[in-house]
Amino acid sequence: MRQKTQSVVEPWKGKKGGLIPILQKVQEELGYLPLVAMETISEELKLPLAEIYGVATFYAQFHLKPRGKNIVRVCRGTACHVRGSLKIMNKFKEALGVEDNGTTSDLLFTLEPVACLGACGLAPVLMVNTNTHGRLEVDSVMKILNEYK
């Protein structure tokens, strides 16, 4: 992990503006930003760990815990809420055995509530990775999960 992180940091040494691209590349390589990777970046760039942690926690694109192979994003916007997205979300929680933003122990699924997916006409709607599933009912949950197992 350290070696991989060092190789990502190497081209950026002595240059300004590299922290976000470094964090993006490390996360792409490792799947998330473990503490050891942030410590390595800190040492290699001679930046305080607190600064790196601050950037990593400020931007929603960065994740400090391992995430699932399949990211399930359930829309919680107004149109979806009115049409039952909370019931859909609760069924996913029950089926996966996780809470909001939780990841299954087998690292197959991460469940995320999102403010809006921009597909209000399909409400309630969710996305699994880049695939949109709309006009959902609670009975749809297991079918959708089985598509991604």
N, C-alpha and C. Protein backbone atom coordinates (compact mmCIF):
# COMPACT_ATOMS: atom_id res chain seq x y z
N MET A 1 0.83 -1.19 0.00
CA MET A 1 0.00 0.00 0.00
C MET A 1 0.88 1.25 0.00
N ARG A 2 1.90 1.25 0.84
CA ARG A 2 2.82 2.40 0.90
C ARG A 2 3.52 2.61 -0.44
N GLN A 3 3.98 1.50 -1.02
CA GLN A 3 4.72 1.59 -2.27
C GLN A 3 3.84 2.12 -3.40
N LYS A 4 2.61 1.62 -3.46
CA LYS A 4 1.67 2.10 -4.48
C LYS A 4 1.43 3.61 -4.31
N THR A 5 1.22 4.02 -3.07
CA THR A 5 0.97 5.44 -2.79
C THR A 5 2.20 6.27 -3.16
N GLN A 6 3.38 5.79 -2.81
CA GLN A 6 4.61 6.52 -3.14
C GLN A 6 4.75 6.70 -4.65
N SER A 7 4.40 5.68 -5.42
CA SER A 7 4.52 5.79 -6.87
C SER A 7 3.52 6.80 -7.45
N VAL A 8 2.36 6.94 -6.81
CA VAL A 8 1.39 7.94 -7.25
C VAL A 8 1.90 9.35 -6.92
N VAL A 9 2.50 9.50 -5.77
CA VAL A 9 2.96 10.82 -5.31
C VAL A 9 4.19 11.29 -6.08
N GLU A 10 5.06 10.38 -6.47
CA GLU A 10 6.37 10.71 -7.05
C GLU A 10 6.33 11.81 -8.12
N PRO A 11 5.48 11.72 -9.14
CA PRO A 11 5.49 12.78 -10.18
C PRO A 11 5.08 14.16 -9.67
N TRP A 12 4.46 14.22 -8.50
CA TRP A 12 3.96 15.49 -7.97
C TRP A 12 4.91 16.15 -6.99
N LYS A 13 5.97 15.47 -6.60
CA LYS A 13 6.89 16.04 -5.62
C LYS A 13 7.45 17.37 -6.12
N GLY A 14 7.42 18.37 -5.25
CA GLY A 14 7.95 19.69 -5.60
C GLY A 14 7.01 20.54 -6.44
N LYS A 15 5.84 20.03 -6.74
CA LYS A 15 4.87 20.79 -7.53
C LYS A 15 3.70 21.20 -6.65
N LYS A 16 3.07 22.29 -6.98
CA LYS A 16 1.88 22.74 -6.25
C LYS A 16 0.63 22.21 -6.93
N GLY A 17 -0.44 22.08 -6.15
CA GLY A 17 -1.74 21.71 -6.71
C GLY A 17 -1.93 20.23 -6.96
N GLY A 18 -1.10 19.40 -6.36
CA GLY A 18 -1.20 17.97 -6.64
C GLY A 18 -2.01 17.15 -5.65
N LEU A 19 -2.39 17.75 -4.53
CA LEU A 19 -3.02 16.94 -3.48
C LEU A 19 -4.30 16.26 -3.95
N ILE A 20 -5.21 16.99 -4.55
CA ILE A 20 -6.48 16.38 -4.98
C ILE A 20 -6.25 15.32 -6.05
N PRO A 21 -5.47 15.59 -7.09
CA PRO A 21 -5.22 14.52 -8.06
C PRO A 21 -4.54 13.29 -7.44
N ILE A 22 -3.65 13.52 -6.46
CA ILE A 22 -3.00 12.40 -5.78
C ILE A 22 -4.04 11.59 -5.02
N LEU A 23 -4.89 12.27 -4.26
CA LEU A 23 -5.93 11.56 -3.50
C LEU A 23 -6.86 10.79 -4.44
N GLN A 24 -7.21 11.41 -5.57
CA GLN A 24 -8.08 10.73 -6.54
C GLN A 24 -7.42 9.46 -7.07
N LYS A 25 -6.15 9.56 -7.44
CA LYS A 25 -5.44 8.42 -8.02
C LYS A 25 -5.23 7.31 -6.98
N VAL A 26 -4.87 7.69 -5.75
CA VAL A 26 -4.69 6.70 -4.70
C VAL A 26 -6.01 5.98 -4.44
N GLN A 27 -7.11 6.74 -4.37
CA GLN A 27 -8.41 6.11 -4.14
C GLN A 27 -8.78 5.20 -5.31
N GLU A 28 -8.47 5.61 -6.52
CA GLU A 28 -8.73 4.77 -7.69
C GLU A 28 -7.95 3.46 -7.59
N GLU A 29 -6.71 3.54 -7.14
CA GLU A 29 -5.85 2.36 -7.02
C GLU A 29 -6.26 1.44 -5.87
N LEU A 30 -6.62 2.03 -4.73
CA LEU A 30 -6.88 1.25 -3.52
C LEU A 30 -8.36 1.05 -3.21
N GLY A 31 -9.22 1.83 -3.86
CA GLY A 31 -10.66 1.72 -3.62
C GLY A 31 -11.17 2.67 -2.55
N TYR A 32 -10.26 3.21 -1.75
CA TYR A 32 -10.59 4.17 -0.69
C TYR A 32 -9.29 4.79 -0.22
N LEU A 33 -9.36 5.67 0.77
CA LEU A 33 -8.15 6.34 1.28
C LEU A 33 -7.86 5.87 2.71
N PRO A 34 -7.11 4.78 2.84
CA PRO A 34 -6.77 4.32 4.19
C PRO A 34 -5.79 5.28 4.87
N LEU A 35 -5.76 5.24 6.18
CA LEU A 35 -4.89 6.12 6.95
C LEU A 35 -3.43 5.99 6.52
N VAL A 36 -2.97 4.77 6.29
CA VAL A 36 -1.57 4.56 5.91
C VAL A 36 -1.24 5.28 4.60
N ALA A 37 -2.18 5.35 3.68
CA ALA A 37 -1.96 6.06 2.42
C ALA A 37 -1.86 7.56 2.67
N MET A 38 -2.74 8.08 3.52
CA MET A 38 -2.68 9.52 3.83
C MET A 38 -1.40 9.87 4.59
N GLU A 39 -0.95 8.97 5.47
CA GLU A 39 0.32 9.19 6.18
C GLU A 39 1.49 9.20 5.20
N THR A 40 1.45 8.31 4.22
CA THR A 40 2.50 8.26 3.20
C THR A 40 2.52 9.54 2.37
N ILE A 41 1.35 10.00 1.97
CA ILE A 41 1.25 11.25 1.21
C ILE A 41 1.82 12.40 2.05
N SER A 42 1.47 12.43 3.32
CA SER A 42 1.95 13.45 4.23
C SER A 42 3.48 13.46 4.28
N GLU A 43 4.07 12.30 4.45
CA GLU A 43 5.53 12.17 4.51
C GLU A 43 6.18 12.57 3.19
N GLU A 44 5.62 12.08 2.09
CA GLU A 44 6.23 12.31 0.78
C GLU A 44 6.13 13.78 0.35
N LEU A 45 5.00 14.42 0.64
CA LEU A 45 4.81 15.82 0.24
C LEU A 45 5.22 16.81 1.32
N LYS A 46 5.56 16.28 2.50
CA LYS A 46 5.91 17.13 3.64
C LYS A 46 4.78 18.10 3.97
N LEU A 47 3.58 17.56 3.98
CA LEU A 47 2.38 18.30 4.36
C LEU A 47 1.84 17.71 5.66
N PRO A 48 1.24 18.52 6.51
CA PRO A 48 0.65 17.98 7.73
C PRO A 48 -0.47 16.97 7.40
N LEU A 49 -0.50 15.89 8.14
CA LEU A 49 -1.55 14.89 7.96
C LEU A 49 -2.93 15.52 8.11
N ALA A 50 -3.05 16.48 9.02
CA ALA A 50 -4.34 17.15 9.24
C ALA A 50 -4.83 17.85 7.97
N GLU A 51 -3.92 18.40 7.20
CA GLU A 51 -4.31 19.07 5.95
C GLU A 51 -4.84 18.05 4.94
N ILE A 52 -4.17 16.94 4.83
CA ILE A 52 -4.59 15.88 3.90
C ILE A 52 -5.94 15.31 4.34
N TYR A 53 -6.07 15.05 5.62
CA TYR A 53 -7.33 14.54 6.16
C TYR A 53 -8.45 15.56 5.95
N GLY A 54 -8.14 16.83 6.13
CA GLY A 54 -9.14 17.88 5.93
C GLY A 54 -9.66 17.91 4.50
N VAL A 55 -8.78 17.77 3.54
CA VAL A 55 -9.19 17.74 2.13
C VAL A 55 -10.00 16.47 1.86
N ALA A 56 -9.52 15.35 2.35
CA ALA A 56 -10.18 14.06 2.09
C ALA A 56 -11.58 14.00 2.70
N THR A 57 -11.78 14.69 3.81
CA THR A 57 -13.11 14.66 4.45
C THR A 57 -14.01 15.79 3.96
N PHE A 58 -13.45 16.81 3.35
CA PHE A 58 -14.25 17.92 2.84
C PHE A 58 -15.01 17.53 1.58
N TYR A 59 -14.36 16.82 0.68
CA TYR A 59 -14.95 16.47 -0.61
C TYR A 59 -15.66 15.11 -0.53
N ALA A 60 -16.91 15.10 -0.99
CA ALA A 60 -17.73 13.88 -0.93
C ALA A 60 -17.19 12.76 -1.82
N GLN A 61 -16.33 13.09 -2.78
CA GLN A 61 -15.80 12.08 -3.68
C GLN A 61 -14.81 11.13 -3.00
N PHE A 62 -14.30 11.53 -1.83
CA PHE A 62 -13.30 10.71 -1.16
C PHE A 62 -13.94 9.87 -0.06
N HIS A 63 -13.41 8.66 0.10
CA HIS A 63 -13.96 7.72 1.07
C HIS A 63 -12.84 7.15 1.93
N LEU A 64 -13.06 7.17 3.24
CA LEU A 64 -12.05 6.72 4.18
C LEU A 64 -12.23 5.27 4.60
N LYS A 65 -13.30 4.66 4.14
CA LYS A 65 -13.57 3.25 4.45
C LYS A 65 -13.74 2.50 3.14
N PRO A 66 -13.46 1.20 3.14
CA PRO A 66 -13.69 0.42 1.92
C PRO A 66 -15.15 0.49 1.49
N ARG A 67 -15.37 0.52 0.19
CA ARG A 67 -16.72 0.58 -0.36
C ARG A 67 -17.00 -0.68 -1.14
N GLY A 68 -18.26 -0.93 -1.34
CA GLY A 68 -18.67 -2.13 -2.06
C GLY A 68 -18.41 -2.04 -3.56
N LYS A 69 -18.39 -3.19 -4.17
CA LYS A 69 -18.24 -3.28 -5.62
C LYS A 69 -19.42 -2.57 -6.31
N ASN A 70 -20.59 -2.67 -5.70
CA ASN A 70 -21.81 -2.05 -6.24
C ASN A 70 -22.29 -0.97 -5.28
N ILE A 71 -22.39 0.25 -5.79
CA ILE A 71 -22.86 1.37 -4.98
C ILE A 71 -24.34 1.59 -5.30
N VAL A 72 -25.19 1.40 -4.29
CA VAL A 72 -26.63 1.58 -4.43
C VAL A 72 -26.97 2.95 -3.88
N ARG A 73 -27.42 3.85 -4.77
CA ARG A 73 -27.79 5.21 -4.37
C ARG A 73 -29.31 5.34 -4.47
N VAL A 74 -29.94 5.49 -3.32
CA VAL A 74 -31.40 5.62 -3.28
C VAL A 74 -31.75 7.10 -3.16
N CYS A 75 -32.54 7.59 -4.11
CA CYS A 75 -32.94 8.99 -4.11
C CYS A 75 -33.88 9.27 -2.94
N ARG A 76 -33.58 10.36 -2.23
CA ARG A 76 -34.43 10.77 -1.11
C ARG A 76 -35.01 12.16 -1.36
N GLY A 77 -34.99 12.60 -2.62
CA GLY A 77 -35.57 13.89 -2.98
C GLY A 77 -37.07 13.90 -2.77
N THR A 78 -37.67 15.06 -2.91
CA THR A 78 -39.09 15.24 -2.61
C THR A 78 -39.99 14.30 -3.41
N ALA A 79 -39.83 14.26 -4.73
CA ALA A 79 -40.70 13.42 -5.56
C ALA A 79 -40.55 11.95 -5.16
N CYS A 80 -39.33 11.52 -4.95
CA CYS A 80 -39.10 10.11 -4.57
C CYS A 80 -39.63 9.83 -3.16
N HIS A 81 -39.44 10.78 -2.26
CA HIS A 81 -39.95 10.61 -0.90
C HIS A 81 -41.47 10.44 -0.91
N VAL A 82 -42.14 11.32 -1.63
CA VAL A 82 -43.61 11.27 -1.70
C VAL A 82 -44.08 9.94 -2.27
N ARG A 83 -43.29 9.37 -3.17
CA ARG A 83 -43.67 8.11 -3.82
C ARG A 83 -43.08 6.87 -3.15
N GLY A 84 -42.53 7.03 -1.94
CA GLY A 84 -42.18 5.86 -1.15
C GLY A 84 -40.72 5.45 -1.11
N SER A 85 -39.79 6.36 -1.37
CA SER A 85 -38.39 5.95 -1.37
C SER A 85 -37.89 5.54 0.02
N LEU A 86 -38.51 6.05 1.08
CA LEU A 86 -38.09 5.65 2.42
C LEU A 86 -38.34 4.15 2.63
N LYS A 87 -39.48 3.65 2.15
CA LYS A 87 -39.76 2.22 2.25
C LYS A 87 -38.75 1.41 1.45
N ILE A 88 -38.39 1.92 0.28
CA ILE A 88 -37.38 1.25 -0.56
C ILE A 88 -36.05 1.22 0.18
N MET A 89 -35.66 2.36 0.73
CA MET A 89 -34.40 2.46 1.47
C MET A 89 -34.39 1.49 2.64
N ASN A 90 -35.47 1.45 3.39
CA ASN A 90 -35.55 0.55 4.54
C ASN A 90 -35.47 -0.91 4.14
N LYS A 91 -36.05 -1.25 3.01
CA LYS A 91 -35.99 -2.64 2.52
C LYS A 91 -34.55 -2.99 2.14
N PHE A 92 -33.83 -2.05 1.51
CA PHE A 92 -32.42 -2.29 1.19
C PHE A 92 -31.61 -2.47 2.46
N LYS A 93 -31.85 -1.64 3.46
CA LYS A 93 -31.13 -1.77 4.73
C LYS A 93 -31.35 -3.15 5.33
N GLU A 94 -32.60 -3.58 5.32
CA GLU A 94 -32.95 -4.89 5.87
C GLU A 94 -32.29 -6.02 5.07
N ALA A 95 -32.39 -5.94 3.76
CA ALA A 95 -31.86 -7.00 2.90
C ALA A 95 -30.33 -7.09 2.96
N LEU A 96 -29.68 -5.94 3.08
CA LEU A 96 -28.21 -5.92 3.10
C LEU A 96 -27.62 -5.99 4.50
N GLY A 97 -28.44 -5.69 5.50
CA GLY A 97 -27.94 -5.70 6.87
C GLY A 97 -27.00 -4.54 7.16
N VAL A 98 -27.28 -3.38 6.55
CA VAL A 98 -26.44 -2.19 6.77
C VAL A 98 -27.32 -0.99 7.05
N GLU A 99 -26.71 0.07 7.51
CA GLU A 99 -27.40 1.35 7.70
C GLU A 99 -27.01 2.28 6.55
N ASP A 100 -27.48 3.53 6.61
CA ASP A 100 -27.11 4.53 5.60
C ASP A 100 -25.59 4.59 5.48
N ASN A 101 -25.11 4.62 4.25
CA ASN A 101 -23.68 4.69 3.94
C ASN A 101 -22.90 3.48 4.44
N GLY A 102 -23.60 2.39 4.68
CA GLY A 102 -22.94 1.17 5.13
C GLY A 102 -22.52 0.29 3.97
N THR A 103 -21.54 -0.55 4.24
CA THR A 103 -21.02 -1.50 3.25
C THR A 103 -21.15 -2.90 3.80
N THR A 104 -21.60 -3.83 2.97
CA THR A 104 -21.74 -5.21 3.40
C THR A 104 -20.37 -5.80 3.71
N SER A 105 -20.33 -6.76 4.60
CA SER A 105 -19.06 -7.35 5.03
C SER A 105 -18.31 -8.03 3.88
N ASP A 106 -19.04 -8.48 2.86
CA ASP A 106 -18.39 -9.10 1.71
C ASP A 106 -17.93 -8.08 0.67
N LEU A 107 -18.11 -6.79 0.98
CA LEU A 107 -17.73 -5.68 0.10
C LEU A 107 -18.42 -5.74 -1.27
N LEU A 108 -19.62 -6.30 -1.29
CA LEU A 108 -20.36 -6.38 -2.55
C LEU A 108 -21.25 -5.14 -2.74
N PHE A 109 -21.81 -4.59 -1.66
CA PHE A 109 -22.72 -3.45 -1.77
C PHE A 109 -22.40 -2.36 -0.75
N THR A 110 -22.54 -1.11 -1.19
CA THR A 110 -22.57 0.05 -0.31
C THR A 110 -23.89 0.74 -0.58
N LEU A 111 -24.59 1.11 0.49
CA LEU A 111 -25.91 1.73 0.38
C LEU A 111 -25.82 3.20 0.78
N GLU A 112 -26.18 4.09 -0.16
CA GLU A 112 -26.09 5.53 0.09
C GLU A 112 -27.42 6.22 -0.22
N PRO A 113 -27.94 6.97 0.75
CA PRO A 113 -29.07 7.86 0.43
C PRO A 113 -28.49 9.09 -0.26
N VAL A 114 -29.16 9.57 -1.29
CA VAL A 114 -28.71 10.79 -1.98
C VAL A 114 -29.86 11.78 -2.06
N ALA A 115 -29.52 13.06 -2.12
CA ALA A 115 -30.54 14.12 -2.11
C ALA A 115 -31.40 14.10 -3.37
N CYS A 116 -30.80 13.85 -4.52
CA CYS A 116 -31.56 13.83 -5.77
C CYS A 116 -30.73 13.18 -6.86
N LEU A 117 -31.38 12.37 -7.67
CA LEU A 117 -30.72 11.76 -8.82
C LEU A 117 -31.12 12.43 -10.12
N GLY A 118 -32.04 13.38 -10.05
CA GLY A 118 -32.43 14.13 -11.24
C GLY A 118 -33.31 13.34 -12.20
N ALA A 119 -34.01 12.36 -11.69
CA ALA A 119 -34.90 11.55 -12.53
C ALA A 119 -36.27 11.48 -11.87
N CYS A 120 -36.80 12.64 -11.53
CA CYS A 120 -38.05 12.73 -10.77
C CYS A 120 -39.23 12.05 -11.45
N GLY A 121 -39.21 12.02 -12.76
CA GLY A 121 -40.29 11.37 -13.51
C GLY A 121 -40.32 9.87 -13.31
N LEU A 122 -39.22 9.30 -12.81
CA LEU A 122 -39.13 7.86 -12.56
C LEU A 122 -39.33 7.52 -11.08
N ALA A 123 -39.70 8.50 -10.28
CA ALA A 123 -39.78 8.33 -8.82
C ALA A 123 -40.69 7.17 -8.42
N PRO A 124 -40.31 6.46 -7.37
CA PRO A 124 -39.02 6.51 -6.70
C PRO A 124 -37.94 5.83 -7.54
N VAL A 125 -36.73 6.38 -7.46
CA VAL A 125 -35.65 5.94 -8.33
C VAL A 125 -34.39 5.67 -7.52
N LEU A 126 -33.56 4.80 -8.04
CA LEU A 126 -32.25 4.54 -7.45
C LEU A 126 -31.28 4.22 -8.57
N MET A 127 -30.02 4.27 -8.23
CA MET A 127 -28.98 3.87 -9.17
C MET A 127 -28.12 2.81 -8.50
N VAL A 128 -27.74 1.81 -9.27
CA VAL A 128 -26.71 0.87 -8.84
C VAL A 128 -25.58 1.09 -9.82
N ASN A 129 -24.47 1.61 -9.29
CA ASN A 129 -23.34 2.03 -10.12
C ASN A 129 -23.85 3.07 -11.11
N THR A 130 -23.85 2.78 -12.40
CA THR A 130 -24.33 3.75 -13.39
C THR A 130 -25.69 3.38 -13.96
N ASN A 131 -26.31 2.35 -13.43
CA ASN A 131 -27.60 1.88 -13.94
C ASN A 131 -28.76 2.45 -13.12
N THR A 132 -29.73 3.05 -13.81
CA THR A 132 -30.88 3.66 -13.15
C THR A 132 -32.04 2.67 -13.12
N HIS A 133 -32.70 2.60 -11.96
CA HIS A 133 -33.88 1.76 -11.78
C HIS A 133 -34.99 2.67 -11.27
N GLY A 134 -36.09 2.75 -12.00
CA GLY A 134 -37.15 3.67 -11.62
C GLY A 134 -38.49 3.02 -11.44
N ARG A 135 -39.43 3.85 -10.97
CA ARG A 135 -40.81 3.43 -10.66
C ARG A 135 -40.79 2.18 -9.78
N LEU A 136 -40.02 2.28 -8.73
CA LEU A 136 -39.77 1.13 -7.86
C LEU A 136 -40.90 0.86 -6.88
N GLU A 137 -40.97 -0.38 -6.49
CA GLU A 137 -41.84 -0.82 -5.40
C GLU A 137 -40.97 -1.63 -4.46
N VAL A 138 -41.41 -1.79 -3.24
CA VAL A 138 -40.63 -2.53 -2.25
C VAL A 138 -40.28 -3.93 -2.78
N ASP A 139 -41.21 -4.53 -3.53
CA ASP A 139 -40.96 -5.87 -4.07
C ASP A 139 -39.84 -5.89 -5.11
N SER A 140 -39.41 -4.74 -5.60
CA SER A 140 -38.34 -4.67 -6.60
C SER A 140 -36.96 -4.89 -6.00
N VAL A 141 -36.82 -4.66 -4.71
CA VAL A 141 -35.51 -4.62 -4.06
C VAL A 141 -34.72 -5.91 -4.27
N MET A 142 -35.29 -7.05 -3.95
CA MET A 142 -34.54 -8.31 -4.04
C MET A 142 -34.17 -8.63 -5.49
N LYS A 143 -35.07 -8.31 -6.42
CA LYS A 143 -34.78 -8.54 -7.84
C LYS A 143 -33.56 -7.72 -8.26
N ILE A 144 -33.54 -6.47 -7.84
CA ILE A 144 -32.42 -5.59 -8.19
C ILE A 144 -31.13 -6.13 -7.56
N LEU A 145 -31.17 -6.47 -6.29
CA LEU A 145 -29.96 -6.98 -5.63
C LEU A 145 -29.44 -8.23 -6.32
N ASN A 146 -30.34 -9.10 -6.71
CA ASN A 146 -29.92 -10.36 -7.38
C ASN A 146 -29.25 -10.11 -8.73
N GLU A 147 -29.57 -8.99 -9.38
CA GLU A 147 -28.92 -8.65 -10.64
C GLU A 147 -27.44 -8.36 -10.47
N TYR A 148 -27.04 -7.96 -9.26
CA TYR A 148 -25.66 -7.50 -9.04
C TYR A 148 -24.84 -8.44 -8.17
N LYS A 149 -25.39 -9.59 -7.83
CA LYS A 149 -24.65 -10.56 -7.00
C LYS A 149 -23.70 -11.36 -7.83
